[in-house]
Amino acid sequence: MDDRDFGIGAQILHDLDITNLKLITNTKGKKRVGMIGYGLEISEYINF
């Protein structure tokens, strides 16, 4: 994980009962393992 803070956004998604998401990213191969700690699972990485 980098210096970005995903905590607030992750809490909002959790409150909306969103647990699985597709992440659109411009960084190939970089996994966001820390999101699991917030109860979120990234099911797919979409590169643009």
PDB file of N, CA and C in Angstrom:
ATOM      1  N   MET A   1       0.854  -1.163   0.000  1.00  0.00           N
ATOM      2  CA  MET A   1       0.000   0.000   0.000  1.00  0.00           C
ATOM      3  C   MET A   1       0.903   1.231   0.000  1.00  0.00           C
ATOM      4  N   ASP A   2       0.455   2.280  -0.629  1.00  0.00           N
ATOM      5  CA  ASP A   2       1.246   3.492  -0.679  1.00  0.00           C
ATOM      6  C   ASP A   2       0.778   4.464   0.397  1.00  0.00           C
ATOM      7  N   ASP A   3       1.140   5.735   0.246  1.00  0.00           N
ATOM      8  CA  ASP A   3       0.836   6.736   1.265  1.00  0.00           C
ATOM      9  C   ASP A   3      -0.612   7.210   1.255  1.00  0.00           C
ATOM     10  N   ARG A   4      -1.400   6.748   0.320  1.00  0.00           N
ATOM     11  CA  ARG A   4      -2.801   7.168   0.271  1.00  0.00           C
ATOM     12  C   ARG A   4      -3.585   6.514   1.398  1.00  0.00           C
ATOM     13  N   ASP A   5      -4.607   7.233   1.866  1.00  0.00           N
ATOM     14  CA  ASP A   5      -5.440   6.712   2.946  1.00  0.00           C
ATOM     15  C   ASP A   5      -6.806   6.341   2.372  1.00  0.00           C
ATOM     16  N   PHE A   6      -7.123   5.060   2.430  1.00  0.00           N
ATOM     17  CA  PHE A   6      -8.386   4.561   1.898  1.00  0.00           C
ATOM     18  C   PHE A   6      -9.424   4.365   3.002  1.00  0.00           C
ATOM     19  N   GLY A   7      -9.111   4.733   4.226  1.00  0.00           N
ATOM     20  CA  GLY A   7      -9.967   4.443   5.373  1.00  0.00           C
ATOM     21  C   GLY A   7     -11.367   5.013   5.283  1.00  0.00           C
ATOM     22  N   ILE A   8     -11.494   6.300   4.996  1.00  0.00           N
ATOM     23  CA  ILE A   8     -12.812   6.942   4.947  1.00  0.00           C
ATOM     24  C   ILE A   8     -13.662   6.340   3.830  1.00  0.00           C
ATOM     25  N   GLY A   9     -13.083   6.224   2.641  1.00  0.00           N
ATOM     26  CA  GLY A   9     -13.813   5.642   1.512  1.00  0.00           C
ATOM     27  C   GLY A   9     -14.217   4.207   1.774  1.00  0.00           C
ATOM     28  N   ALA A  10     -13.323   3.445   2.412  1.00  0.00           N
ATOM     29  CA  ALA A  10     -13.623   2.049   2.730  1.00  0.00           C
ATOM     30  C   ALA A  10     -14.770   1.959   3.734  1.00  0.00           C
ATOM     31  N   GLN A  11     -14.819   2.869   4.688  1.00  0.00           N
ATOM     32  CA  GLN A  11     -15.910   2.875   5.663  1.00  0.00           C
ATOM     33  C   GLN A  11     -17.238   3.209   4.990  1.00  0.00           C
ATOM     34  N   ILE A  12     -17.213   4.140   4.042  1.00  0.00           N
ATOM     35  CA  ILE A  12     -18.439   4.489   3.315  1.00  0.00           C
ATOM     36  C   ILE A  12     -18.937   3.290   2.518  1.00  0.00           C
ATOM     37  N   LEU A  13     -18.031   2.614   1.796  1.00  0.00           N
ATOM     38  CA  LEU A  13     -18.425   1.431   1.031  1.00  0.00           C
ATOM     39  C   LEU A  13     -18.970   0.343   1.949  1.00  0.00           C
ATOM     40  N   HIS A  14     -18.352   0.169   3.110  1.00  0.00           N
ATOM     41  CA  HIS A  14     -18.820  -0.829   4.075  1.00  0.00           C
ATOM     42  C   HIS A  14     -20.228  -0.485   4.565  1.00  0.00           C
ATOM     43  N   ASP A  15     -20.482   0.786   4.864  1.00  0.00           N
ATOM     44  CA  ASP A  15     -21.812   1.214   5.314  1.00  0.00           C
ATOM     45  C   ASP A  15     -22.877   1.009   4.238  1.00  0.00           C
ATOM     46  N   LEU A  16     -22.473   1.044   2.980  1.00  0.00           N
ATOM     47  CA  LEU A  16     -23.395   0.810   1.864  1.00  0.00           C
ATOM     48  C   LEU A  16     -23.510  -0.672   1.519  1.00  0.00           C
ATOM     49  N   ASP A  17     -22.913  -1.532   2.353  1.00  0.00           N
ATOM     50  CA  ASP A  17     -22.913  -2.992   2.165  1.00  0.00           C
ATOM     51  C   ASP A  17     -22.256  -3.422   0.852  1.00  0.00           C
ATOM     52  N   ILE A  18     -21.248  -2.673   0.435  1.00  0.00           N
ATOM     53  CA  ILE A  18     -20.461  -3.041  -0.746  1.00  0.00           C
ATOM     54  C   ILE A  18     -19.216  -3.758  -0.248  1.00  0.00           C
ATOM     55  N   THR A  19     -19.059  -5.017  -0.641  1.00  0.00           N
ATOM     56  CA  THR A  19     -17.913  -5.791  -0.162  1.00  0.00           C
ATOM     57  C   THR A  19     -16.993  -6.239  -1.294  1.00  0.00           C
ATOM     58  N   ASN A  20     -17.514  -6.368  -2.504  1.00  0.00           N
ATOM     59  CA  ASN A  20     -16.710  -6.764  -3.665  1.00  0.00           C
ATOM     60  C   ASN A  20     -16.711  -5.625  -4.667  1.00  0.00           C
ATOM     61  N   LEU A  21     -15.546  -5.337  -5.229  1.00  0.00           N
ATOM     62  CA  LEU A  21     -15.484  -4.274  -6.209  1.00  0.00           C
ATOM     63  C   LEU A  21     -14.454  -4.543  -7.286  1.00  0.00           C
ATOM     64  N   LYS A  22     -14.651  -3.866  -8.397  1.00  0.00           N
ATOM     65  CA  LYS A  22     -13.690  -3.879  -9.498  1.00  0.00           C
ATOM     66  C   LYS A  22     -12.935  -2.564  -9.413  1.00  0.00           C
ATOM     67  N   LEU A  23     -11.621  -2.642  -9.398  1.00  0.00           N
ATOM     68  CA  LEU A  23     -10.790  -1.455  -9.233  1.00  0.00           C
ATOM     69  C   LEU A  23     -10.224  -1.032 -10.580  1.00  0.00           C
ATOM     70  N   ILE A  24     -10.511   0.207 -10.974  1.00  0.00           N
ATOM     71  CA  ILE A  24      -9.946   0.770 -12.198  1.00  0.00           C
ATOM     72  C   ILE A  24      -8.663   1.488 -11.805  1.00  0.00           C
ATOM     73  N   THR A  25      -7.547   1.098 -12.428  1.00  0.00           N
ATOM     74  CA  THR A  25      -6.250   1.630 -12.045  1.00  0.00           C
ATOM     75  C   THR A  25      -5.370   1.856 -13.262  1.00  0.00           C
ATOM     76  N   ASN A  26      -4.400   2.731 -13.116  1.00  0.00           N
ATOM     77  CA  ASN A  26      -3.424   2.933 -14.178  1.00  0.00           C
ATOM     78  C   ASN A  26      -2.077   2.316 -13.806  1.00  0.00           C
ATOM     79  N   THR A  27      -2.023   1.598 -12.696  1.00  0.00           N
ATOM     80  CA  THR A  27      -0.802   0.961 -12.225  1.00  0.00           C
ATOM     81  C   THR A  27      -0.922  -0.539 -12.415  1.00  0.00           C
ATOM     82  N   LYS A  28      -0.152  -1.095 -13.315  1.00  0.00           N
ATOM     83  CA  LYS A  28      -0.216  -2.529 -13.576  1.00  0.00           C
ATOM     84  C   LYS A  28       0.497  -3.307 -12.476  1.00  0.00           C
ATOM     85  N   GLY A  29      -0.124  -4.386 -12.047  1.00  0.00           N
ATOM     86  CA  GLY A  29       0.511  -5.317 -11.128  1.00  0.00           C
ATOM     87  C   GLY A  29       0.548  -4.899  -9.678  1.00  0.00           C
ATOM     88  N   LYS A  30       0.040  -3.729  -9.321  1.00  0.00           N
ATOM     89  CA  LYS A  30       0.081  -3.293  -7.930  1.00  0.00           C
ATOM     90  C   LYS A  30      -1.198  -3.739  -7.226  1.00  0.00           C
ATOM     91  N   LYS A  31      -1.054  -4.609  -6.257  1.00  0.00           N
ATOM     92  CA  LYS A  31      -2.207  -5.145  -5.537  1.00  0.00           C
ATOM     93  C   LYS A  31      -2.489  -4.305  -4.299  1.00  0.00           C
ATOM     94  N   ARG A  32      -3.723  -4.140  -3.976  1.00  0.00           N
ATOM     95  CA  ARG A  32      -4.159  -3.382  -2.796  1.00  0.00           C
ATOM     96  C   ARG A  32      -4.577  -4.355  -1.703  1.00  0.00           C
ATOM     97  N   VAL A  33      -3.611  -5.022  -1.131  1.00  0.00           N
ATOM     98  CA  VAL A  33      -3.881  -6.049  -0.126  1.00  0.00           C
ATOM     99  C   VAL A  33      -4.512  -5.442   1.122  1.00  0.00           C
ATOM    100  N   GLY A  34      -4.177  -4.215   1.456  1.00  0.00           N
ATOM    101  CA  GLY A  34      -4.685  -3.572   2.659  1.00  0.00           C
ATOM    102  C   GLY A  34      -6.184  -3.370   2.682  1.00  0.00           C
ATOM    103  N   MET A  35      -6.835  -3.444   1.544  1.00  0.00           N
ATOM    104  CA  MET A  35      -8.284  -3.254   1.491  1.00  0.00           C
ATOM    105  C   MET A  35      -9.025  -4.385   2.186  1.00  0.00           C
ATOM    106  N   ILE A  36      -8.414  -5.560   2.258  1.00  0.00           N
ATOM    107  CA  ILE A  36      -9.038  -6.703   2.926  1.00  0.00           C
ATOM    108  C   ILE A  36      -9.283  -6.378   4.396  1.00  0.00           C
ATOM    109  N   GLY A  37      -8.391  -5.612   4.993  1.00  0.00           N
ATOM    110  CA  GLY A  37      -8.543  -5.212   6.388  1.00  0.00           C
ATOM    111  C   GLY A  37      -9.787  -4.378   6.639  1.00  0.00           C
ATOM    112  N   TYR A  38     -10.289  -3.745   5.602  1.00  0.00           N
ATOM    113  CA  TYR A  38     -11.516  -2.959   5.707  1.00  0.00           C
ATOM    114  C   TYR A  38     -12.751  -3.770   5.347  1.00  0.00           C
ATOM    115  N   GLY A  39     -12.575  -5.051   5.065  1.00  0.00           N
ATOM    116  CA  GLY A  39     -13.700  -5.904   4.700  1.00  0.00           C
ATOM    117  C   GLY A  39     -14.085  -5.806   3.235  1.00  0.00           C
ATOM    118  N   LEU A  40     -13.180  -5.294   2.411  1.00  0.00           N
ATOM    119  CA  LEU A  40     -13.434  -5.150   0.983  1.00  0.00           C
ATOM    120  C   LEU A  40     -12.567  -6.129   0.210  1.00  0.00           C
ATOM    121  N   GLU A  41     -13.147  -6.742  -0.801  1.00  0.00           N
ATOM    122  CA  GLU A  41     -12.407  -7.654  -1.660  1.00  0.00           C
ATOM    123  C   GLU A  41     -12.420  -7.095  -3.077  1.00  0.00           C
ATOM    124  N   ILE A  42     -11.247  -6.974  -3.666  1.00  0.00           N
ATOM    125  CA  ILE A  42     -11.148  -6.509  -5.044  1.00  0.00           C
ATOM    126  C   ILE A  42     -11.217  -7.736  -5.933  1.00  0.00           C
ATOM    127  N   SER A  43     -12.317  -7.863  -6.672  1.00  0.00           N
ATOM    128  CA  SER A  43     -12.532  -9.055  -7.489  1.00  0.00           C
ATOM    129  C   SER A  43     -11.846  -8.957  -8.843  1.00  0.00           C
ATOM    130  N   GLU A  44     -11.578  -7.741  -9.305  1.00  0.00           N
ATOM    131  CA  GLU A  44     -10.960  -7.577 -10.624  1.00  0.00           C
ATOM    132  C   GLU A  44     -10.224  -6.239 -10.683  1.00  0.00           C
ATOM    133  N   TYR A  45      -9.070  -6.246 -11.335  1.00  0.00           N
ATOM    134  CA  TYR A  45      -8.311  -5.026 -11.600  1.00  0.00           C
ATOM    135  C   TYR A  45      -8.478  -4.683 -13.075  1.00  0.00           C
ATOM    136  N   ILE A  46      -8.938  -3.484 -13.361  1.00  0.00           N
ATOM    137  CA  ILE A  46      -9.139  -3.042 -14.734  1.00  0.00           C
ATOM    138  C   ILE A  46      -8.122  -1.941 -15.017  1.00  0.00           C
ATOM    139  N   ASN A  47      -7.212  -2.201 -15.961  1.00  0.00           N
ATOM    140  CA  ASN A  47      -6.195  -1.219 -16.325  1.00  0.00           C
ATOM    141  C   ASN A  47      -6.715  -0.322 -17.437  1.00  0.00           C
ATOM    142  N   PHE A  48      -6.352   0.957 -17.338  1.00  0.00           N
ATOM    143  CA  PHE A  48      -6.716   1.874 -18.420  1.00  0.00           C
ATOM    144  C   PHE A  48      -5.493   2.580 -18.923  1.00  0.00           C
TER     145      PHE A  48
END
